[in-house]
Amino acid sequence: MTGPSGLEIVQLPLGAYQANCYLVAREGGSEAAVIDPGDAPELVLDQLAERGWTAAGVLVTHGHVDHLGGVAAVARDAGVDVWMPAAEADLLRELPGAPHAPEHLLEGGETVALAGISFAVTLVPGHSPASVAYGAEGHLFVGDVLFAGSIGRTDLTGGDMETLLRSIEALMRAHPPETVVLPGHGPVTTLAVERDSNPFLGSLRT
């Protein structure tokens, strides 16, 4: 998909949980940021090569295994750094079978520049204790915080429904309604669609 901002975005559902990995490049560019390569690193690398892109770096939204499984191999084979939430970095460092020590630890509020694109980092806890969203030119890569017609589960370690709803509300206040939401599972949506019709967000419409 190519958005009006001139970003070219490839969505790759990977692994048993079909977690979305995103390749994000500037239209006509030669590099791409890789977001949440959760499985099948060979497929991620093949997709980069097919489009004539080299990886510029790996961005991780949160520390659940379905978003981490391919991080070590992609980072190693592409020779790039990894950025992820500081409070969840041990989940990658100690990941069975594919551990990796992320080079850059995020707290929220940073800007990460990769592939000629500035990704604004926002802390959005609730699904996990330190999930982050990456905002770039009218797009939000939100991990498992918000989905088309649903929200992230809160019954895993560190999850909390009230915190999650506050995080979603903060995103909706900080970004215009037409902002494209690229979730960790399922199809792309917008903040406006979710604000107006997501059955879990009724409290945000009052």
Protein backbone atom coordinates (compact mmCIF):
# COMPACT_ATOMS: atom_id res chain seq x y z
CA MET A 1 0.00 0.00 0.00
CA THR A 2 1.16 3.53 -0.71
CA GLY A 3 -0.33 6.33 1.35
CA PRO A 4 -0.83 9.98 0.48
CA SER A 5 2.27 10.82 2.51
CA GLY A 6 4.45 8.94 0.02
CA LEU A 7 5.21 6.02 2.32
CA GLU A 8 5.18 2.56 0.82
CA ILE A 9 4.03 -0.02 3.35
CA VAL A 10 4.00 -3.80 3.02
CA GLN A 11 1.93 -5.84 5.48
CA LEU A 12 3.14 -9.40 6.12
CA PRO A 13 1.03 -11.61 8.41
CA LEU A 14 3.52 -14.09 9.86
CA GLY A 15 3.45 -17.27 11.91
CA ALA A 16 0.74 -19.25 13.62
CA TYR A 17 -0.80 -16.10 15.09
CA GLN A 18 -0.64 -14.18 11.80
CA ALA A 19 1.02 -11.24 13.53
CA ASN A 20 1.54 -8.35 11.15
CA CYS A 21 5.07 -7.39 10.25
CA TYR A 22 5.36 -4.12 8.35
CA LEU A 23 8.02 -2.97 5.91
CA VAL A 24 7.97 0.82 5.68
CA ALA A 25 9.87 2.73 3.01
CA ARG A 26 9.71 6.11 1.42
CA GLU A 27 8.28 5.80 -2.08
CA GLY A 28 11.21 5.42 -4.44
CA GLY A 29 13.57 4.77 -1.54
CA SER A 30 16.13 2.01 -1.17
CA GLU A 31 15.72 1.30 2.55
CA ALA A 32 12.87 0.12 4.74
CA ALA A 33 12.16 -0.01 8.45
CA VAL A 34 11.03 -3.45 9.62
CA ILE A 35 8.35 -3.40 12.33
CA ASP A 36 7.59 -6.50 14.44
CA PRO A 37 9.16 -9.35 12.45
CA GLY A 38 7.49 -11.97 14.64
CA ASP A 39 8.25 -15.07 12.60
CA ALA A 40 9.52 -16.31 9.22
CA PRO A 41 12.59 -14.05 9.00
CA GLU A 42 13.48 -15.59 5.64
CA LEU A 43 10.17 -14.34 4.24
CA VAL A 44 10.82 -10.85 5.59
CA LEU A 45 14.27 -10.77 4.03
CA ASP A 46 12.94 -12.16 0.74
CA GLN A 47 10.26 -9.46 0.62
CA LEU A 48 12.86 -6.76 1.20
CA ALA A 49 15.04 -8.13 -1.60
CA GLU A 50 12.09 -8.49 -3.96
CA ARG A 51 11.36 -4.78 -3.60
CA GLY A 52 14.98 -3.73 -3.87
CA TRP A 53 15.10 -2.54 -0.28
CA THR A 54 17.70 -3.03 2.40
CA ALA A 55 16.64 -3.07 6.04
CA ALA A 56 17.43 0.12 7.91
CA GLY A 57 16.52 -1.18 11.36
CA VAL A 58 13.98 -3.17 13.34
CA LEU A 59 11.27 -1.54 15.46
CA VAL A 60 9.42 -3.66 18.04
CA THR A 61 6.09 -2.57 19.52
CA HIS A 62 6.05 -4.93 22.51
CA GLY A 63 7.60 -8.04 23.97
CA HIS A 64 5.16 -10.84 23.13
CA VAL A 65 6.62 -13.83 21.35
CA ASP A 66 4.44 -13.54 18.24
CA HIS A 67 6.06 -10.15 17.58
CA LEU A 68 9.62 -11.18 18.50
CA GLY A 69 10.33 -14.53 16.87
CA GLY A 70 12.10 -13.23 13.77
CA VAL A 71 13.82 -10.20 15.28
CA ALA A 72 17.18 -11.85 16.00
CA ALA A 73 17.54 -13.38 12.53
CA VAL A 74 16.45 -10.26 10.65
CA ALA A 75 18.75 -8.03 12.70
CA ARG A 76 21.68 -10.43 12.33
CA ASP A 77 21.28 -11.18 8.65
CA ALA A 78 20.59 -7.57 7.69
CA GLY A 79 23.23 -6.20 10.06
CA VAL A 80 20.91 -3.65 11.66
CA ASP A 81 19.98 -2.40 15.12
CA VAL A 82 16.80 -3.08 17.07
CA TRP A 83 14.65 -0.58 18.98
CA MET A 84 12.09 -1.76 21.54
CA PRO A 85 10.48 -0.77 24.86
CA ALA A 86 13.05 -0.77 27.66
CA ALA A 87 10.77 -2.40 30.23
CA GLU A 88 10.12 -5.39 27.95
CA ALA A 89 13.60 -5.82 26.50
CA ASP A 90 14.39 -8.83 28.70
CA LEU A 91 11.67 -10.76 26.86
CA LEU A 92 13.76 -10.47 23.70
CA ARG A 93 17.10 -10.94 25.45
CA GLU A 94 15.82 -14.21 26.93
CA LEU A 95 13.61 -15.38 24.05
CA PRO A 96 13.95 -19.17 23.77
CA GLY A 97 15.68 -20.16 20.57
CA ALA A 98 16.12 -16.62 19.21
CA PRO A 99 17.49 -14.26 21.86
CA HIS A 100 18.73 -10.82 20.92
CA ALA A 101 19.90 -7.84 22.96
CA PRO A 102 18.19 -4.74 21.53
CA GLU A 103 20.64 -1.92 20.89
CA HIS A 104 18.19 0.90 21.63
CA LEU A 105 15.74 1.01 24.55
CA LEU A 106 12.64 3.20 24.37
CA GLU A 107 10.63 4.86 27.13
CA GLY A 108 8.24 6.85 24.92
CA GLY A 109 8.72 10.38 23.62
CA GLU A 110 11.65 9.57 21.37
CA THR A 111 11.90 9.95 17.61
CA VAL A 112 13.60 7.17 15.66
CA ALA A 113 14.86 8.08 12.18
CA LEU A 114 15.07 5.12 9.80
CA ALA A 115 14.95 4.90 6.01
CA GLY A 116 14.45 8.65 5.76
CA ILE A 117 11.33 8.42 7.93
CA SER A 118 10.85 9.84 11.44
CA PHE A 119 8.96 7.49 13.74
CA ALA A 120 7.53 9.20 16.84
CA VAL A 121 7.42 6.82 19.80
CA THR A 122 4.41 6.89 22.14
CA LEU A 123 4.10 4.76 25.26
CA VAL A 124 0.73 2.93 25.10
CA PRO A 125 0.55 0.41 27.96
CA GLY A 126 -2.45 -1.75 28.71
CA HIS A 127 -2.04 -4.79 26.46
CA SER A 128 1.45 -5.17 27.86
CA PRO A 129 3.19 -3.03 30.48
CA ALA A 130 5.30 -0.95 28.09
CA SER A 131 3.86 -1.27 24.58
CA VAL A 132 4.77 1.55 22.23
CA ALA A 133 3.19 2.89 19.06
CA TYR A 134 5.22 4.32 16.19
CA GLY A 135 3.74 7.29 14.38
CA ALA A 136 4.94 8.36 10.94
CA GLU A 137 3.31 10.79 8.53
CA GLY A 138 -0.33 10.00 9.19
CA HIS A 139 0.22 6.36 10.09
CA LEU A 140 0.24 4.65 13.50
CA PHE A 141 1.82 1.25 13.98
CA VAL A 142 0.11 0.27 17.21
CA GLY A 143 1.05 -3.36 17.86
CA ASP A 144 -1.74 -5.10 19.79
CA VAL A 145 -3.24 -2.00 21.41
CA LEU A 146 -6.03 -1.38 18.88
CA PHE A 147 -7.50 -3.49 16.07
CA ALA A 148 -10.18 -3.06 13.44
CA GLY A 149 -13.31 -3.57 15.53
CA SER A 150 -11.49 -4.73 18.64
CA ILE A 151 -8.78 -3.93 21.17
CA GLY A 152 -5.84 -5.81 22.63
CA ARG A 153 -6.41 -8.49 25.22
CA THR A 154 -5.65 -7.54 28.81
CA ASP A 155 -5.56 -10.95 30.50
CA LEU A 156 -1.84 -11.50 29.91
CA THR A 157 0.87 -10.50 32.38
CA GLY A 158 0.89 -6.74 32.85
CA GLY A 159 -2.36 -6.17 30.98
CA ASP A 160 -4.98 -3.76 32.30
CA MET A 161 -8.22 -2.68 30.63
CA GLU A 162 -8.46 0.82 32.11
CA THR A 163 -4.86 1.52 31.18
CA LEU A 164 -5.43 0.24 27.65
CA LEU A 165 -8.47 2.45 27.14
CA ARG A 166 -6.53 5.47 28.41
CA SER A 167 -3.75 4.70 25.94
CA ILE A 168 -6.21 4.48 23.04
CA GLU A 169 -7.89 7.70 24.12
CA ALA A 170 -4.50 9.43 24.25
CA LEU A 171 -3.74 8.31 20.69
CA MET A 172 -7.10 9.63 19.51
CA ARG A 173 -6.48 12.99 21.14
CA ALA A 174 -2.96 13.29 19.77
CA HIS A 175 -3.67 12.32 16.15
CA PRO A 176 -6.28 13.42 13.60
CA PRO A 177 -9.26 11.14 12.93
CA GLU A 178 -8.06 10.18 9.46
CA THR A 179 -4.84 8.70 10.85
CA VAL A 180 -4.28 5.21 9.44
CA VAL A 181 -3.99 2.52 12.12
CA LEU A 182 -1.80 -0.46 11.26
CA PRO A 183 -2.44 -3.07 13.94
CA GLY A 184 -0.50 -6.11 15.04
CA HIS A 185 -3.17 -8.47 13.72
CA GLY A 186 -5.89 -8.12 11.10
CA PRO A 187 -6.71 -5.37 8.62
CA VAL A 188 -5.76 -1.72 8.53
CA THR A 189 -8.28 0.81 9.87
CA THR A 190 -8.42 4.48 10.93
CA LEU A 191 -8.84 6.24 14.24
CA ALA A 192 -12.14 7.72 13.04
CA VAL A 193 -13.63 4.34 12.16
CA GLU A 194 -12.64 2.88 15.52
CA ARG A 195 -13.79 5.91 17.48
CA ASP A 196 -17.19 5.78 15.80
CA SER A 197 -17.87 2.05 15.61
CA ASN A 198 -15.51 -0.07 17.73
CA PRO A 199 -17.77 -1.83 20.25
CA PHE A 200 -15.09 -1.72 22.93
CA LEU A 201 -14.67 2.06 22.77
CA GLY A 202 -18.16 3.22 23.69
CA SER A 203 -16.80 5.03 26.75
CA LEU A 204 -14.66 7.20 24.45
CA ARG A 205 -17.71 8.35 22.50
CA THR A 206 -19.54 9.84 25.47
